[in-house]
Amino acid sequence: MVIDYLPILILIVVAFLFAAFILVLTWVLGPKRPNRAKNEPIESGMIPFTSPRQRFSVQYYMVAMMFILFDVEVIFLYPWAVKMGQLKWFGLAEMAVFLLILLVGFFFVWKKGAFEWD
């Protein structure tokens, strides 16, 4: 029974060794001529005029988490759309319930003011 898990263990070990090998290889073969210009954090080719460690509003992260949450939930619509012909009315009713729950959650966070940037 334990022997059935041997391929998974081998895969994990090989993946770990490959990742470690690539990291060591880039460290060994990579250029080692640091200077002040290379060590500066640059975003979009522009020289920063403020500290890169500035704080972001919690609202930014809330909107990002809600986007991911609703985006992942909408991804569940694709398999349903593919199998809609086979699911018939039962599939339509189940998807209506799913979308209703999704809309209730969306309106809840909207009413709580999660989308406001005040």
N, C-alpha and C. Protein backbone atom coordinates (compact mmCIF):
# COMPACT_ATOMS: atom_id res chain seq x y z
N MET A 1 0.83 -1.19 0.00
CA MET A 1 0.00 0.00 0.00
C MET A 1 0.87 1.26 0.00
N VAL A 2 1.94 1.27 0.76
CA VAL A 2 2.84 2.41 0.78
C VAL A 2 3.58 2.52 -0.54
N ILE A 3 3.80 1.40 -1.20
CA ILE A 3 4.51 1.39 -2.48
C ILE A 3 3.73 2.16 -3.55
N ASP A 4 2.41 2.28 -3.39
CA ASP A 4 1.60 3.03 -4.36
C ASP A 4 1.93 4.51 -4.35
N TYR A 5 2.44 5.02 -3.24
CA TYR A 5 2.78 6.43 -3.12
C TYR A 5 4.22 6.73 -3.53
N LEU A 6 4.98 5.72 -3.90
CA LEU A 6 6.37 5.91 -4.29
C LEU A 6 6.53 6.83 -5.50
N PRO A 7 5.73 6.71 -6.56
CA PRO A 7 5.88 7.65 -7.68
C PRO A 7 5.66 9.11 -7.29
N ILE A 8 4.73 9.35 -6.37
CA ILE A 8 4.49 10.72 -5.92
C ILE A 8 5.69 11.24 -5.14
N LEU A 9 6.26 10.40 -4.29
CA LEU A 9 7.45 10.79 -3.54
C LEU A 9 8.61 11.06 -4.48
N ILE A 10 8.78 10.23 -5.48
CA ILE A 10 9.86 10.44 -6.45
C ILE A 10 9.65 11.75 -7.19
N LEU A 11 8.42 12.04 -7.58
CA LEU A 11 8.11 13.29 -8.27
C LEU A 11 8.44 14.50 -7.40
N ILE A 12 8.07 14.45 -6.13
CA ILE A 12 8.35 15.56 -5.22
C ILE A 12 9.85 15.75 -5.05
N VAL A 13 10.59 14.66 -4.90
CA VAL A 13 12.05 14.75 -4.72
C VAL A 13 12.71 15.29 -5.98
N VAL A 14 12.30 14.79 -7.15
CA VAL A 14 12.88 15.26 -8.40
C VAL A 14 12.56 16.74 -8.61
N ALA A 15 11.35 17.17 -8.32
CA ALA A 15 10.98 18.58 -8.47
C ALA A 15 11.80 19.46 -7.54
N PHE A 16 11.97 19.02 -6.30
CA PHE A 16 12.77 19.79 -5.34
C PHE A 16 14.22 19.88 -5.79
N LEU A 17 14.79 18.76 -6.23
CA LEU A 17 16.18 18.76 -6.69
C LEU A 17 16.35 19.61 -7.95
N PHE A 18 15.39 19.56 -8.85
CA PHE A 18 15.48 20.38 -10.06
C PHE A 18 15.43 21.86 -9.71
N ALA A 19 14.52 22.25 -8.83
CA ALA A 19 14.43 23.65 -8.42
C ALA A 19 15.72 24.10 -7.73
N ALA A 20 16.25 23.27 -6.85
CA ALA A 20 17.50 23.61 -6.17
C ALA A 20 18.65 23.71 -7.17
N PHE A 21 18.68 22.81 -8.13
CA PHE A 21 19.73 22.83 -9.15
C PHE A 21 19.67 24.11 -9.97
N ILE A 22 18.49 24.52 -10.38
CA ILE A 22 18.34 25.74 -11.18
C ILE A 22 18.76 26.96 -10.36
N LEU A 23 18.37 27.01 -9.09
CA LEU A 23 18.76 28.14 -8.25
C LEU A 23 20.27 28.23 -8.07
N VAL A 24 20.90 27.09 -7.81
CA VAL A 24 22.35 27.07 -7.64
C VAL A 24 23.04 27.42 -8.95
N LEU A 25 22.54 26.90 -10.06
CA LEU A 25 23.14 27.16 -11.37
C LEU A 25 23.08 28.65 -11.71
N THR A 26 21.97 29.31 -11.47
CA THR A 26 21.88 30.74 -11.76
C THR A 26 22.77 31.55 -10.81
N TRP A 27 22.93 31.08 -9.59
CA TRP A 27 23.80 31.79 -8.65
C TRP A 27 25.26 31.65 -9.07
N VAL A 28 25.64 30.46 -9.56
CA VAL A 28 27.03 30.21 -9.96
C VAL A 28 27.35 30.91 -11.29
N LEU A 29 26.47 30.79 -12.27
CA LEU A 29 26.75 31.30 -13.60
C LEU A 29 26.34 32.76 -13.81
N GLY A 30 25.55 33.30 -12.91
CA GLY A 30 25.06 34.66 -13.08
C GLY A 30 26.15 35.69 -12.89
N PRO A 31 25.95 36.89 -13.47
CA PRO A 31 26.96 37.94 -13.33
C PRO A 31 27.04 38.42 -11.89
N LYS A 32 28.27 38.73 -11.48
CA LYS A 32 28.49 39.16 -10.10
C LYS A 32 29.18 40.52 -10.07
N ARG A 33 28.64 41.48 -10.82
CA ARG A 33 29.19 42.82 -10.84
C ARG A 33 28.13 43.81 -10.35
N PRO A 34 27.78 43.76 -9.07
CA PRO A 34 26.74 44.68 -8.59
C PRO A 34 27.26 46.11 -8.54
N ASN A 35 26.38 47.03 -8.79
CA ASN A 35 26.70 48.44 -8.61
C ASN A 35 25.45 49.14 -8.10
N ARG A 36 25.57 50.41 -7.84
CA ARG A 36 24.46 51.14 -7.23
C ARG A 36 23.24 51.20 -8.13
N ALA A 37 23.45 51.36 -9.41
CA ALA A 37 22.33 51.46 -10.35
C ALA A 37 21.58 50.13 -10.45
N LYS A 38 22.30 49.02 -10.41
CA LYS A 38 21.64 47.72 -10.51
C LYS A 38 20.88 47.36 -9.25
N ASN A 39 21.31 47.87 -8.12
CA ASN A 39 20.67 47.53 -6.86
C ASN A 39 19.46 48.40 -6.54
N GLU A 40 19.20 49.43 -7.35
CA GLU A 40 18.03 50.27 -7.12
C GLU A 40 16.77 49.57 -7.59
N PRO A 41 15.69 49.69 -6.83
CA PRO A 41 14.43 49.12 -7.31
C PRO A 41 13.86 50.00 -8.42
N ILE A 42 13.65 49.42 -9.58
CA ILE A 42 13.12 50.17 -10.71
C ILE A 42 11.82 49.52 -11.14
N GLU A 43 10.80 50.34 -11.33
CA GLU A 43 9.51 49.84 -11.76
C GLU A 43 9.13 50.55 -13.05
N SER A 44 8.88 49.80 -14.07
CA SER A 44 8.48 50.32 -15.37
C SER A 44 9.54 51.24 -15.97
N GLY A 45 10.77 51.02 -15.64
CA GLY A 45 11.84 51.83 -16.21
C GLY A 45 11.97 53.21 -15.62
N MET A 46 11.22 53.50 -14.58
CA MET A 46 11.28 54.83 -13.97
C MET A 46 12.04 54.76 -12.66
N ILE A 47 12.84 55.76 -12.42
CA ILE A 47 13.58 55.84 -11.17
C ILE A 47 12.59 56.22 -10.07
N PRO A 48 12.58 55.48 -8.96
CA PRO A 48 11.60 55.77 -7.90
C PRO A 48 11.90 57.10 -7.21
N PHE A 49 10.82 57.80 -6.86
CA PHE A 49 10.99 59.07 -6.15
C PHE A 49 10.51 58.97 -4.71
N THR A 50 9.94 57.83 -4.32
CA THR A 50 9.56 57.59 -2.93
C THR A 50 10.14 56.25 -2.49
N SER A 51 9.99 55.97 -1.24
CA SER A 51 10.50 54.71 -0.71
C SER A 51 9.68 53.54 -1.24
N PRO A 52 10.32 52.46 -1.64
CA PRO A 52 9.56 51.30 -2.10
C PRO A 52 8.83 50.59 -0.97
N ARG A 53 9.11 50.96 0.25
CA ARG A 53 8.48 50.31 1.40
C ARG A 53 7.30 51.12 1.95
N GLN A 54 6.69 51.94 1.10
CA GLN A 54 5.55 52.72 1.56
C GLN A 54 4.35 51.80 1.80
N ARG A 55 3.49 52.20 2.67
CA ARG A 55 2.33 51.39 3.02
C ARG A 55 1.19 51.62 2.03
N PHE A 56 0.49 50.53 1.75
CA PHE A 56 -0.70 50.61 0.91
C PHE A 56 -1.92 50.56 1.80
N SER A 57 -2.98 51.12 1.32
CA SER A 57 -4.23 51.09 2.05
C SER A 57 -4.75 49.65 2.10
N VAL A 58 -5.38 49.31 3.21
CA VAL A 58 -5.98 48.00 3.35
C VAL A 58 -7.07 47.81 2.30
N GLN A 59 -7.69 48.90 1.90
CA GLN A 59 -8.75 48.85 0.90
C GLN A 59 -8.23 48.25 -0.41
N TYR A 60 -6.99 48.54 -0.76
CA TYR A 60 -6.39 47.99 -1.98
C TYR A 60 -6.40 46.46 -1.92
N TYR A 61 -6.00 45.91 -0.80
CA TYR A 61 -5.95 44.46 -0.66
C TYR A 61 -7.35 43.85 -0.59
N MET A 62 -8.29 44.57 0.01
CA MET A 62 -9.66 44.07 0.06
C MET A 62 -10.26 43.94 -1.34
N VAL A 63 -10.05 44.96 -2.17
CA VAL A 63 -10.56 44.92 -3.54
C VAL A 63 -9.87 43.80 -4.31
N ALA A 64 -8.57 43.63 -4.11
CA ALA A 64 -7.84 42.57 -4.80
C ALA A 64 -8.37 41.19 -4.39
N MET A 65 -8.62 40.99 -3.09
CA MET A 65 -9.13 39.69 -2.64
C MET A 65 -10.54 39.44 -3.17
N MET A 66 -11.36 40.48 -3.20
CA MET A 66 -12.71 40.29 -3.73
C MET A 66 -12.68 40.01 -5.22
N PHE A 67 -11.77 40.66 -5.94
CA PHE A 67 -11.64 40.37 -7.36
C PHE A 67 -11.28 38.91 -7.58
N ILE A 68 -10.31 38.42 -6.84
CA ILE A 68 -9.91 37.01 -6.98
C ILE A 68 -11.06 36.09 -6.60
N LEU A 69 -11.74 36.41 -5.52
CA LEU A 69 -12.86 35.57 -5.07
C LEU A 69 -13.95 35.49 -6.14
N PHE A 70 -14.40 36.62 -6.63
CA PHE A 70 -15.47 36.61 -7.62
C PHE A 70 -15.00 36.09 -8.97
N ASP A 71 -13.74 36.31 -9.29
CA ASP A 71 -13.19 35.79 -10.54
C ASP A 71 -13.15 34.27 -10.53
N VAL A 72 -12.72 33.69 -9.44
CA VAL A 72 -12.67 32.23 -9.33
C VAL A 72 -14.08 31.65 -9.36
N GLU A 73 -15.01 32.32 -8.74
CA GLU A 73 -16.38 31.82 -8.77
C GLU A 73 -16.97 31.87 -10.17
N VAL A 74 -16.62 32.90 -10.93
CA VAL A 74 -17.13 32.99 -12.30
C VAL A 74 -16.51 31.92 -13.19
N ILE A 75 -15.31 31.46 -12.87
CA ILE A 75 -14.68 30.39 -13.64
C ILE A 75 -15.52 29.12 -13.58
N PHE A 76 -16.28 28.93 -12.52
CA PHE A 76 -17.14 27.75 -12.42
C PHE A 76 -18.28 27.78 -13.44
N LEU A 77 -18.51 28.90 -14.07
CA LEU A 77 -19.55 28.97 -15.10
C LEU A 77 -19.14 28.25 -16.38
N TYR A 78 -17.86 28.17 -16.66
CA TYR A 78 -17.41 27.57 -17.92
C TYR A 78 -17.76 26.09 -18.03
N PRO A 79 -17.44 25.24 -17.04
CA PRO A 79 -17.81 23.83 -17.18
C PRO A 79 -19.33 23.65 -17.26
N TRP A 80 -20.05 24.48 -16.56
CA TRP A 80 -21.51 24.39 -16.63
C TRP A 80 -21.99 24.72 -18.04
N ALA A 81 -21.40 25.74 -18.66
CA ALA A 81 -21.82 26.12 -20.01
C ALA A 81 -21.49 25.02 -21.01
N VAL A 82 -20.39 24.31 -20.80
CA VAL A 82 -20.02 23.23 -21.70
C VAL A 82 -21.00 22.07 -21.61
N LYS A 83 -21.45 21.75 -20.41
CA LYS A 83 -22.35 20.61 -20.19
C LYS A 83 -23.81 21.00 -20.09
N MET A 84 -24.16 22.22 -20.46
CA MET A 84 -25.53 22.70 -20.29
C MET A 84 -26.54 21.82 -21.02
N GLY A 85 -26.19 21.31 -22.20
CA GLY A 85 -27.12 20.47 -22.95
C GLY A 85 -27.47 19.18 -22.24
N GLN A 86 -26.53 18.64 -21.49
CA GLN A 86 -26.76 17.38 -20.78
C GLN A 86 -27.44 17.60 -19.43
N LEU A 87 -27.24 18.74 -18.84
CA LEU A 87 -27.77 18.99 -17.50
C LEU A 87 -29.25 19.39 -17.51
N LYS A 88 -29.68 19.97 -18.59
CA LYS A 88 -31.08 20.38 -18.80
C LYS A 88 -31.56 21.33 -17.69
N TRP A 89 -32.79 21.15 -17.21
CA TRP A 89 -33.38 22.07 -16.23
C TRP A 89 -32.73 21.98 -14.86
N PHE A 90 -32.27 20.79 -14.49
CA PHE A 90 -31.60 20.65 -13.19
C PHE A 90 -30.33 21.50 -13.15
N GLY A 91 -29.55 21.44 -14.21
CA GLY A 91 -28.33 22.25 -14.28
C GLY A 91 -28.62 23.73 -14.28
N LEU A 92 -29.70 24.12 -14.96
CA LEU A 92 -30.08 25.53 -14.97
C LEU A 92 -30.49 26.00 -13.58
N ALA A 93 -31.25 25.17 -12.87
CA ALA A 93 -31.68 25.53 -11.52
C ALA A 93 -30.48 25.61 -10.57
N GLU A 94 -29.57 24.65 -10.68
CA GLU A 94 -28.37 24.68 -9.82
C GLU A 94 -27.53 25.91 -10.09
N MET A 95 -27.37 26.28 -11.35
CA MET A 95 -26.58 27.46 -11.68
C MET A 95 -27.29 28.73 -11.22
N ALA A 96 -28.61 28.74 -11.29
CA ALA A 96 -29.36 29.89 -10.79
C ALA A 96 -29.13 30.07 -9.29
N VAL A 97 -29.13 28.97 -8.54
CA VAL A 97 -28.85 29.04 -7.10
C VAL A 97 -27.43 29.54 -6.87
N PHE A 98 -26.48 29.02 -7.64
CA PHE A 98 -25.08 29.44 -7.50
C PHE A 98 -24.94 30.93 -7.78
N LEU A 99 -25.55 31.41 -8.86
CA LEU A 99 -25.46 32.83 -9.20
C LEU A 99 -26.18 33.70 -8.18
N LEU A 100 -27.27 33.19 -7.61
CA LEU A 100 -27.97 33.93 -6.58
C LEU A 100 -27.08 34.11 -5.34
N ILE A 101 -26.41 33.04 -4.94
CA ILE A 101 -25.49 33.13 -3.80
C ILE A 101 -24.35 34.09 -4.12
N LEU A 102 -23.85 34.02 -5.35
CA LEU A 102 -22.78 34.93 -5.77
C LEU A 102 -23.24 36.38 -5.74
N LEU A 103 -24.43 36.64 -6.22
CA LEU A 103 -24.95 38.00 -6.22
C LEU A 103 -25.25 38.51 -4.81
N VAL A 104 -25.72 37.64 -3.94
CA VAL A 104 -25.96 38.04 -2.55
C VAL A 104 -24.64 38.46 -1.90
N GLY A 105 -23.58 37.69 -2.13
CA GLY A 105 -22.27 38.05 -1.60
C GLY A 105 -21.75 39.35 -2.17
N PHE A 106 -21.95 39.53 -3.49
CA PHE A 106 -21.51 40.77 -4.14
C PHE A 106 -22.23 41.98 -3.58
N PHE A 107 -23.55 41.90 -3.44
CA PHE A 107 -24.31 43.03 -2.90
C PHE A 107 -24.01 43.27 -1.43
N PHE A 108 -23.68 42.20 -0.70
CA PHE A 108 -23.31 42.35 0.70
C PHE A 108 -22.04 43.19 0.85
N VAL A 109 -21.00 42.84 0.08
CA VAL A 109 -19.76 43.61 0.19
C VAL A 109 -19.94 45.01 -0.39
N TRP A 110 -20.83 45.16 -1.35
CA TRP A 110 -21.10 46.48 -1.90
C TRP A 110 -21.76 47.37 -0.86
N LYS A 111 -22.77 46.83 -0.15
CA LYS A 111 -23.47 47.59 0.88
C LYS A 111 -22.56 47.89 2.08
N LYS A 112 -21.61 47.01 2.36
CA LYS A 112 -20.67 47.24 3.45
C LYS A 112 -19.66 48.34 3.11
N GLY A 113 -19.65 48.76 1.83
CA GLY A 113 -18.73 49.83 1.43
C GLY A 113 -17.35 49.34 1.06
N ALA A 114 -17.24 48.08 0.69
CA ALA A 114 -15.92 47.53 0.36
C ALA A 114 -15.35 48.09 -0.92
N PHE A 115 -16.19 48.64 -1.79
CA PHE A 115 -15.73 49.20 -3.05
C PHE A 115 -15.49 50.70 -2.97
N GLU A 116 -15.70 51.30 -1.84
CA GLU A 116 -15.51 52.74 -1.67
C GLU A 116 -14.02 53.05 -1.42
N TRP A 117 -13.51 54.09 -2.04
CA TRP A 117 -12.10 54.47 -1.88
C TRP A 117 -11.96 55.74 -1.07
N ASP A 118 -12.76 55.91 -0.06
CA ASP A 118 -12.71 57.14 0.77
C ASP A 118 -11.46 57.19 1.61
